[in-house]
N, C-alpha and C. Protein backbone atom coordinates (compact mmCIF):
# COMPACT_ATOMS: atom_id res chain seq x y z
N UNK A 1 5.75 6.45 36.00
CA UNK A 1 5.35 7.16 34.80
C UNK A 1 6.55 7.92 34.26
N UNK A 2 6.79 7.77 32.95
CA UNK A 2 7.95 8.43 32.35
C UNK A 2 7.63 9.89 32.04
N UNK A 3 8.69 10.64 31.83
CA UNK A 3 8.52 12.06 31.50
C UNK A 3 7.86 12.20 30.13
N UNK A 4 7.03 13.23 29.97
CA UNK A 4 6.40 13.44 28.66
C UNK A 4 7.43 13.90 27.64
N UNK A 5 7.10 13.68 26.38
CA UNK A 5 7.97 14.06 25.27
C UNK A 5 7.59 15.44 24.75
N UNK A 6 8.57 16.12 24.19
CA UNK A 6 8.31 17.38 23.51
C UNK A 6 7.92 17.08 22.07
N UNK A 7 7.50 18.10 21.35
CA UNK A 7 7.17 17.95 19.94
C UNK A 7 8.39 17.43 19.17
N UNK A 8 9.55 17.99 19.43
CA UNK A 8 10.78 17.57 18.73
C UNK A 8 11.12 16.12 19.01
N UNK A 9 10.98 15.70 20.25
CA UNK A 9 11.28 14.31 20.60
C UNK A 9 10.30 13.36 19.93
N UNK A 10 9.03 13.71 19.94
CA UNK A 10 8.01 12.87 19.30
C UNK A 10 8.24 12.81 17.79
N UNK A 11 8.63 13.94 17.21
CA UNK A 11 8.90 13.98 15.77
C UNK A 11 10.06 13.04 15.42
N UNK A 12 11.10 13.05 16.25
CA UNK A 12 12.23 12.17 16.02
C UNK A 12 11.81 10.71 16.12
N UNK A 13 10.97 10.39 17.07
CA UNK A 13 10.48 9.00 17.23
C UNK A 13 9.64 8.56 16.03
N UNK A 14 8.82 9.47 15.51
CA UNK A 14 7.93 9.14 14.40
C UNK A 14 8.62 9.24 13.04
N UNK A 15 9.73 9.95 12.99
CA UNK A 15 10.42 10.14 11.72
C UNK A 15 9.74 11.17 10.83
N UNK A 16 9.10 12.15 11.45
CA UNK A 16 8.43 13.23 10.72
C UNK A 16 8.91 14.56 11.28
N UNK A 17 8.46 15.63 10.68
CA UNK A 17 8.85 16.95 11.16
C UNK A 17 8.01 17.40 12.33
N UNK A 18 8.51 18.37 13.11
CA UNK A 18 7.76 18.88 14.25
C UNK A 18 6.41 19.47 13.88
N UNK A 19 6.30 20.09 12.72
CA UNK A 19 5.02 20.69 12.33
C UNK A 19 3.95 19.61 12.11
N UNK A 20 4.35 18.44 11.62
CA UNK A 20 3.40 17.33 11.44
C UNK A 20 2.90 16.83 12.80
N UNK A 21 3.80 16.75 13.79
CA UNK A 21 3.41 16.32 15.13
C UNK A 21 2.45 17.34 15.74
N UNK A 22 2.73 18.62 15.56
CA UNK A 22 1.82 19.66 16.06
C UNK A 22 0.44 19.52 15.42
N UNK A 23 0.42 19.24 14.13
CA UNK A 23 -0.84 19.05 13.43
C UNK A 23 -1.61 17.86 14.00
N UNK A 24 -0.92 16.77 14.28
CA UNK A 24 -1.56 15.58 14.86
C UNK A 24 -2.11 15.89 16.25
N UNK A 25 -1.36 16.67 17.03
CA UNK A 25 -1.82 17.03 18.38
C UNK A 25 -3.04 17.94 18.31
N UNK A 26 -2.98 18.94 17.43
CA UNK A 26 -4.12 19.87 17.31
C UNK A 26 -5.39 19.16 16.85
N UNK A 27 -5.24 18.20 15.96
CA UNK A 27 -6.42 17.49 15.45
C UNK A 27 -6.96 16.47 16.43
N UNK A 28 -6.15 16.11 17.44
CA UNK A 28 -6.59 15.11 18.41
C UNK A 28 -6.20 13.69 18.02
N UNK A 29 -5.57 13.53 16.86
CA UNK A 29 -5.14 12.20 16.44
C UNK A 29 -4.06 11.64 17.37
N UNK A 30 -3.25 12.55 17.90
CA UNK A 30 -2.22 12.18 18.87
C UNK A 30 -2.52 12.95 20.15
N UNK A 31 -3.05 12.26 21.17
CA UNK A 31 -3.41 12.97 22.41
C UNK A 31 -2.20 13.63 23.05
N UNK A 32 -2.37 14.89 23.43
CA UNK A 32 -1.29 15.66 24.04
C UNK A 32 -1.90 16.80 24.85
N UNK A 33 -1.07 17.39 25.70
CA UNK A 33 -1.49 18.55 26.48
C UNK A 33 -0.68 19.75 26.02
N UNK A 34 -1.32 20.91 26.02
CA UNK A 34 -0.62 22.12 25.65
C UNK A 34 -0.49 23.02 26.87
N UNK A 35 0.72 23.45 27.13
CA UNK A 35 1.00 24.37 28.23
C UNK A 35 1.65 25.60 27.61
N UNK A 36 0.86 26.66 27.46
CA UNK A 36 1.38 27.85 26.79
C UNK A 36 1.66 27.52 25.34
N UNK A 37 2.91 27.65 24.94
CA UNK A 37 3.31 27.33 23.56
C UNK A 37 3.81 25.90 23.42
N UNK A 38 4.03 25.22 24.52
CA UNK A 38 4.65 23.89 24.51
C UNK A 38 3.61 22.77 24.58
N UNK A 39 3.86 21.72 23.84
CA UNK A 39 3.04 20.51 23.88
C UNK A 39 3.79 19.45 24.67
N UNK A 40 3.05 18.64 25.41
CA UNK A 40 3.61 17.49 26.10
C UNK A 40 2.85 16.25 25.66
N UNK A 41 3.60 15.26 25.25
CA UNK A 41 3.02 14.03 24.73
C UNK A 41 3.49 12.88 25.61
N UNK A 42 2.55 12.15 26.18
CA UNK A 42 2.89 11.00 27.00
C UNK A 42 3.41 9.87 26.10
N UNK A 43 4.42 9.17 26.58
CA UNK A 43 5.02 8.08 25.81
C UNK A 43 3.96 7.03 25.45
N UNK A 44 3.08 6.73 26.39
CA UNK A 44 2.03 5.73 26.13
C UNK A 44 1.11 6.17 24.99
N UNK A 45 0.80 7.46 24.92
CA UNK A 45 -0.04 7.97 23.83
C UNK A 45 0.67 7.85 22.49
N UNK A 46 1.97 8.12 22.48
CA UNK A 46 2.75 8.00 21.24
C UNK A 46 2.80 6.53 20.80
N UNK A 47 2.97 5.62 21.76
CA UNK A 47 3.00 4.20 21.43
C UNK A 47 1.66 3.73 20.89
N UNK A 48 0.56 4.20 21.50
CA UNK A 48 -0.77 3.84 21.00
C UNK A 48 -0.97 4.37 19.58
N UNK A 49 -0.53 5.60 19.35
CA UNK A 49 -0.67 6.20 18.03
C UNK A 49 0.11 5.40 16.99
N UNK A 50 1.36 5.07 17.29
CA UNK A 50 2.17 4.34 16.32
C UNK A 50 1.64 2.94 16.07
N UNK A 51 1.11 2.28 17.07
CA UNK A 51 0.56 0.94 16.84
C UNK A 51 -0.70 1.03 15.99
N UNK A 52 -1.49 2.08 16.16
CA UNK A 52 -2.68 2.28 15.33
C UNK A 52 -2.32 2.61 13.90
N UNK A 53 -1.26 3.38 13.69
CA UNK A 53 -0.82 3.73 12.34
C UNK A 53 -0.32 2.49 11.63
N UNK A 54 0.45 1.67 12.32
CA UNK A 54 0.96 0.45 11.70
C UNK A 54 -0.18 -0.48 11.33
N UNK A 55 -1.17 -0.59 12.20
CA UNK A 55 -2.31 -1.45 11.92
C UNK A 55 -3.06 -0.96 10.70
N UNK A 56 -3.33 0.33 10.63
CA UNK A 56 -4.06 0.90 9.49
C UNK A 56 -3.24 0.75 8.21
N UNK A 57 -1.95 0.96 8.28
CA UNK A 57 -1.10 0.86 7.09
C UNK A 57 -1.04 -0.57 6.59
N UNK A 58 -1.06 -1.54 7.48
CA UNK A 58 -0.95 -2.93 7.06
C UNK A 58 -2.23 -3.43 6.40
N UNK A 59 -3.34 -2.75 6.63
CA UNK A 59 -4.60 -3.15 6.01
C UNK A 59 -4.62 -2.83 4.52
N UNK A 60 -3.77 -1.89 4.09
CA UNK A 60 -3.71 -1.52 2.69
C UNK A 60 -4.81 -0.52 2.34
N UNK A 61 -4.74 0.02 1.14
CA UNK A 61 -5.72 1.03 0.74
C UNK A 61 -7.10 0.41 0.54
N UNK A 62 -8.10 1.16 0.87
CA UNK A 62 -9.48 0.70 0.71
C UNK A 62 -9.98 0.99 -0.71
N UNK A 63 -9.40 2.00 -1.35
CA UNK A 63 -9.79 2.36 -2.71
C UNK A 63 -8.52 2.56 -3.53
N UNK A 64 -8.68 2.77 -4.82
CA UNK A 64 -7.54 3.02 -5.68
C UNK A 64 -6.85 4.32 -5.34
N UNK A 65 -5.73 4.52 -5.95
CA UNK A 65 -5.00 5.76 -5.71
C UNK A 65 -5.82 6.93 -6.20
N UNK A 66 -5.81 8.06 -5.49
CA UNK A 66 -6.62 9.22 -5.87
C UNK A 66 -6.37 9.70 -7.29
N UNK A 67 -5.11 9.70 -7.73
CA UNK A 67 -4.81 10.16 -9.09
C UNK A 67 -5.50 9.29 -10.13
N UNK A 68 -5.51 7.99 -9.90
CA UNK A 68 -6.18 7.08 -10.82
C UNK A 68 -7.68 7.37 -10.87
N UNK A 69 -8.28 7.61 -9.72
CA UNK A 69 -9.70 7.88 -9.67
C UNK A 69 -10.05 9.17 -10.40
N UNK A 70 -9.22 10.18 -10.25
CA UNK A 70 -9.46 11.45 -10.94
C UNK A 70 -9.33 11.27 -12.45
N UNK A 71 -8.31 10.52 -12.88
CA UNK A 71 -8.13 10.29 -14.32
C UNK A 71 -9.32 9.52 -14.89
N UNK A 72 -9.78 8.51 -14.17
CA UNK A 72 -10.93 7.73 -14.66
C UNK A 72 -12.16 8.62 -14.79
N UNK A 73 -12.41 9.44 -13.77
CA UNK A 73 -13.57 10.32 -13.82
C UNK A 73 -13.45 11.32 -14.96
N UNK A 74 -12.26 11.85 -15.19
CA UNK A 74 -12.04 12.81 -16.26
C UNK A 74 -12.24 12.16 -17.62
N UNK A 75 -11.75 10.93 -17.78
CA UNK A 75 -11.91 10.26 -19.07
C UNK A 75 -13.37 9.90 -19.33
N UNK A 76 -14.11 9.55 -18.30
CA UNK A 76 -15.54 9.26 -18.48
C UNK A 76 -16.28 10.53 -18.88
N UNK A 77 -15.95 11.64 -18.24
CA UNK A 77 -16.62 12.90 -18.57
C UNK A 77 -16.28 13.38 -19.96
N UNK A 78 -15.04 13.23 -20.39
CA UNK A 78 -14.65 13.70 -21.72
C UNK A 78 -15.24 12.82 -22.81
N UNK A 79 -15.35 11.52 -22.55
CA UNK A 79 -15.96 10.63 -23.57
C UNK A 79 -17.47 10.81 -23.63
N UNK A 80 -18.09 11.22 -22.54
CA UNK A 80 -19.53 11.43 -22.52
C UNK A 80 -19.90 12.72 -23.25
N UNK A 81 -19.00 13.68 -23.33
CA UNK A 81 -19.31 14.96 -23.98
C UNK A 81 -18.97 14.94 -25.46
N UNK A 82 -18.35 13.87 -25.95
CA UNK A 82 -17.98 13.80 -27.38
C UNK A 82 -19.11 13.33 -28.23
């Protein structure tokens, strides 16, 4: 079993900031253990997380972009009130 990663190490692997990794750990999206102020992330958990992210990203969006949906709803509401 390999040594667990720190938040900084996991952030470097994911290409995101440490605060994003902490957010993922707190939410449970990225399984980790907290010891005092420090988080420990198992390499296997990070690999599972990244493979799941790649799979979800390759599926593409399920709906249109949020900005488009908001504009459509706004235009429908403004035309209905005229």
